[in-house]
Amino acid sequence: MISLTLIQITELLTVLQLLLGLVIVTLAAYGYRRNTSQPMLFLGIGIAMMTLVSTATTLVSSILFSASFVAPLSMAAEVTGMSLILYAVVLARRK
């Protein structure tokens, strides 16, 4: 029986999050190129901010800065991503 520690599970979920984010962003980029759809562009950038940039920010800031900077930087990337996704949805409704 394989016993996974909490750190291993967290690392596994982080890798899964990065892979899923990369697949979704790639599909959004393909949709943008095919249809030249601005909402799809903002949706892809927003998802990239929430998954790829947020995780990269967490990793880099946890190495370079103290622990008190990790959460705010990661949350700033996530809030930016959510704002872009909201803008994409609102923009799509107008067209």
C-alpha atoms as a PDB file:
ATOM      1  CA  MET A   1       0.000   0.000   0.000  1.00  0.00           C
ATOM      2  CA  ILE A   2       1.319   3.421  -0.945  1.00  0.00           C
ATOM      3  CA  SER A   3       1.209   6.007   1.803  1.00  0.00           C
ATOM      4  CA  LEU A   4       1.318   9.570   0.540  1.00  0.00           C
ATOM      5  CA  THR A   5       2.231  12.375   2.872  1.00  0.00           C
ATOM      6  CA  LEU A   6       0.443  15.702   2.844  1.00  0.00           C
ATOM      7  CA  ILE A   7       3.384  17.354   1.053  1.00  0.00           C
ATOM      8  CA  GLN A   8       3.362  14.712  -1.680  1.00  0.00           C
ATOM      9  CA  ILE A   9      -0.361  15.136  -2.199  1.00  0.00           C
ATOM     10  CA  THR A  10       0.071  18.918  -2.374  1.00  0.00           C
ATOM     11  CA  GLU A  11       2.863  18.556  -4.930  1.00  0.00           C
ATOM     12  CA  LEU A  12       0.790  16.143  -6.990  1.00  0.00           C
ATOM     13  CA  LEU A  13      -2.184  18.508  -6.991  1.00  0.00           C
ATOM     14  CA  THR A  14       0.072  21.435  -7.922  1.00  0.00           C
ATOM     15  CA  VAL A  15       1.427  19.548 -10.928  1.00  0.00           C
ATOM     16  CA  LEU A  16      -2.118  18.551 -11.901  1.00  0.00           C
ATOM     17  CA  GLN A  17      -3.244  22.180 -11.600  1.00  0.00           C
ATOM     18  CA  LEU A  18      -0.386  23.333 -13.829  1.00  0.00           C
ATOM     19  CA  LEU A  19      -1.098  20.678 -16.460  1.00  0.00           C
ATOM     20  CA  LEU A  20      -4.822  21.384 -16.566  1.00  0.00           C
ATOM     21  CA  GLY A  21      -4.171  25.123 -16.717  1.00  0.00           C
ATOM     22  CA  LEU A  22      -1.745  24.640 -19.578  1.00  0.00           C
ATOM     23  CA  VAL A  23      -4.235  22.508 -21.526  1.00  0.00           C
ATOM     24  CA  ILE A  24      -7.064  25.023 -21.009  1.00  0.00           C
ATOM     25  CA  VAL A  25      -4.862  27.984 -21.951  1.00  0.00           C
ATOM     26  CA  THR A  26      -3.682  26.154 -25.073  1.00  0.00           C
ATOM     27  CA  LEU A  27      -7.287  25.448 -26.103  1.00  0.00           C
ATOM     28  CA  ALA A  28      -8.239  29.085 -25.453  1.00  0.00           C
ATOM     29  CA  ALA A  29      -5.289  30.290 -27.548  1.00  0.00           C
ATOM     30  CA  TYR A  30      -6.329  27.946 -30.354  1.00  0.00           C
ATOM     31  CA  GLY A  31      -9.912  29.252 -30.138  1.00  0.00           C
ATOM     32  CA  TYR A  32      -8.674  32.840 -30.226  1.00  0.00           C
ATOM     33  CA  ARG A  33      -6.515  32.236 -33.293  1.00  0.00           C
ATOM     34  CA  ARG A  34      -9.280  30.358 -35.104  1.00  0.00           C
ATOM     35  CA  ASN A  35     -12.072  32.881 -34.444  1.00  0.00           C
ATOM     36  CA  THR A  36     -10.142  36.057 -33.552  1.00  0.00           C
ATOM     37  CA  SER A  37     -12.401  36.289 -30.496  1.00  0.00           C
ATOM     38  CA  GLN A  38     -11.339  38.837 -27.895  1.00  0.00           C
ATOM     39  CA  PRO A  39     -13.397  37.224 -25.117  1.00  0.00           C
ATOM     40  CA  MET A  40     -11.541  33.946 -25.717  1.00  0.00           C
ATOM     41  CA  LEU A  41      -8.235  35.799 -25.465  1.00  0.00           C
ATOM     42  CA  PHE A  42      -9.161  37.367 -22.126  1.00  0.00           C
ATOM     43  CA  LEU A  43     -10.533  34.058 -20.880  1.00  0.00           C
ATOM     44  CA  GLY A  44      -7.268  32.307 -21.702  1.00  0.00           C
ATOM     45  CA  ILE A  45      -5.158  35.011 -20.082  1.00  0.00           C
ATOM     46  CA  GLY A  46      -7.389  34.965 -16.998  1.00  0.00           C
ATOM     47  CA  ILE A  47      -7.102  31.209 -16.602  1.00  0.00           C
ATOM     48  CA  ALA A  48      -3.344  31.450 -17.120  1.00  0.00           C
ATOM     49  CA  MET A  49      -3.168  34.065 -14.371  1.00  0.00           C
ATOM     50  CA  MET A  50      -5.204  31.912 -11.996  1.00  0.00           C
ATOM     51  CA  THR A  51      -3.280  28.699 -12.595  1.00  0.00           C
ATOM     52  CA  LEU A  52       0.149  29.181 -14.110  1.00  0.00           C
ATOM     53  CA  VAL A  53       1.106  32.642 -12.856  1.00  0.00           C
ATOM     54  CA  SER A  54      -0.370  32.098  -9.389  1.00  0.00           C
ATOM     55  CA  THR A  55       1.551  28.855  -8.898  1.00  0.00           C
ATOM     56  CA  ALA A  56       4.775  30.288 -10.295  1.00  0.00           C
ATOM     57  CA  THR A  57       4.378  33.355  -8.066  1.00  0.00           C
ATOM     58  CA  THR A  58       3.889  31.134  -5.032  1.00  0.00           C
ATOM     59  CA  LEU A  59       6.973  29.060  -5.830  1.00  0.00           C
ATOM     60  CA  VAL A  60       9.262  31.989  -6.598  1.00  0.00           C
ATOM     61  CA  SER A  61       8.088  34.208  -3.757  1.00  0.00           C
ATOM     62  CA  SER A  62       8.370  31.399  -1.213  1.00  0.00           C
ATOM     63  CA  ILE A  63      12.020  30.995  -2.185  1.00  0.00           C
ATOM     64  CA  LEU A  64      12.941  34.678  -2.464  1.00  0.00           C
ATOM     65  CA  PHE A  65      10.771  36.377   0.161  1.00  0.00           C
ATOM     66  CA  SER A  66       9.529  35.722   3.644  1.00  0.00           C
ATOM     67  CA  ALA A  67       6.326  33.760   4.164  1.00  0.00           C
ATOM     68  CA  SER A  68       4.282  36.930   4.706  1.00  0.00           C
ATOM     69  CA  PHE A  69       4.648  37.897   1.010  1.00  0.00           C
ATOM     70  CA  VAL A  70       3.667  34.552  -0.478  1.00  0.00           C
ATOM     71  CA  ALA A  71      -0.103  34.668  -0.011  1.00  0.00           C
ATOM     72  CA  PRO A  72      -0.680  38.306  -1.090  1.00  0.00           C
ATOM     73  CA  LEU A  73       1.332  37.908  -4.302  1.00  0.00           C
ATOM     74  CA  SER A  74      -0.426  34.681  -5.213  1.00  0.00           C
ATOM     75  CA  MET A  75      -3.828  36.152  -4.374  1.00  0.00           C
ATOM     76  CA  ALA A  76      -3.080  39.231  -6.499  1.00  0.00           C
ATOM     77  CA  ALA A  77      -2.442  36.976  -9.506  1.00  0.00           C
ATOM     78  CA  GLU A  78      -5.661  35.071  -8.828  1.00  0.00           C
ATOM     79  CA  VAL A  79      -7.743  38.257  -8.445  1.00  0.00           C
ATOM     80  CA  THR A  80      -6.291  39.597 -11.694  1.00  0.00           C
ATOM     81  CA  GLY A  81      -7.176  36.321 -13.397  1.00  0.00           C
ATOM     82  CA  MET A  82     -10.734  36.373 -12.065  1.00  0.00           C
ATOM     83  CA  SER A  83     -11.129  39.977 -13.214  1.00  0.00           C
ATOM     84  CA  LEU A  84      -9.994  39.040 -16.725  1.00  0.00           C
ATOM     85  CA  ILE A  85     -12.403  36.086 -16.807  1.00  0.00           C
ATOM     86  CA  LEU A  86     -15.247  38.335 -15.675  1.00  0.00           C
ATOM     87  CA  TYR A  87     -14.313  40.848 -18.371  1.00  0.00           C
ATOM     88  CA  ALA A  88     -14.297  38.042 -20.948  1.00  0.00           C
ATOM     89  CA  VAL A  89     -17.799  36.961 -19.935  1.00  0.00           C
ATOM     90  CA  VAL A  90     -19.135  40.528 -19.987  1.00  0.00           C
ATOM     91  CA  LEU A  91     -17.416  41.211 -23.318  1.00  0.00           C
ATOM     92  CA  ALA A  92     -18.881  38.026 -24.814  1.00  0.00           C
ATOM     93  CA  ARG A  93     -22.382  39.064 -23.776  1.00  0.00           C
ATOM     94  CA  ARG A  94     -22.031  42.377 -25.609  1.00  0.00           C
ATOM     95  CA  LYS A  95     -21.127  40.769 -28.920  1.00  0.00           C
END
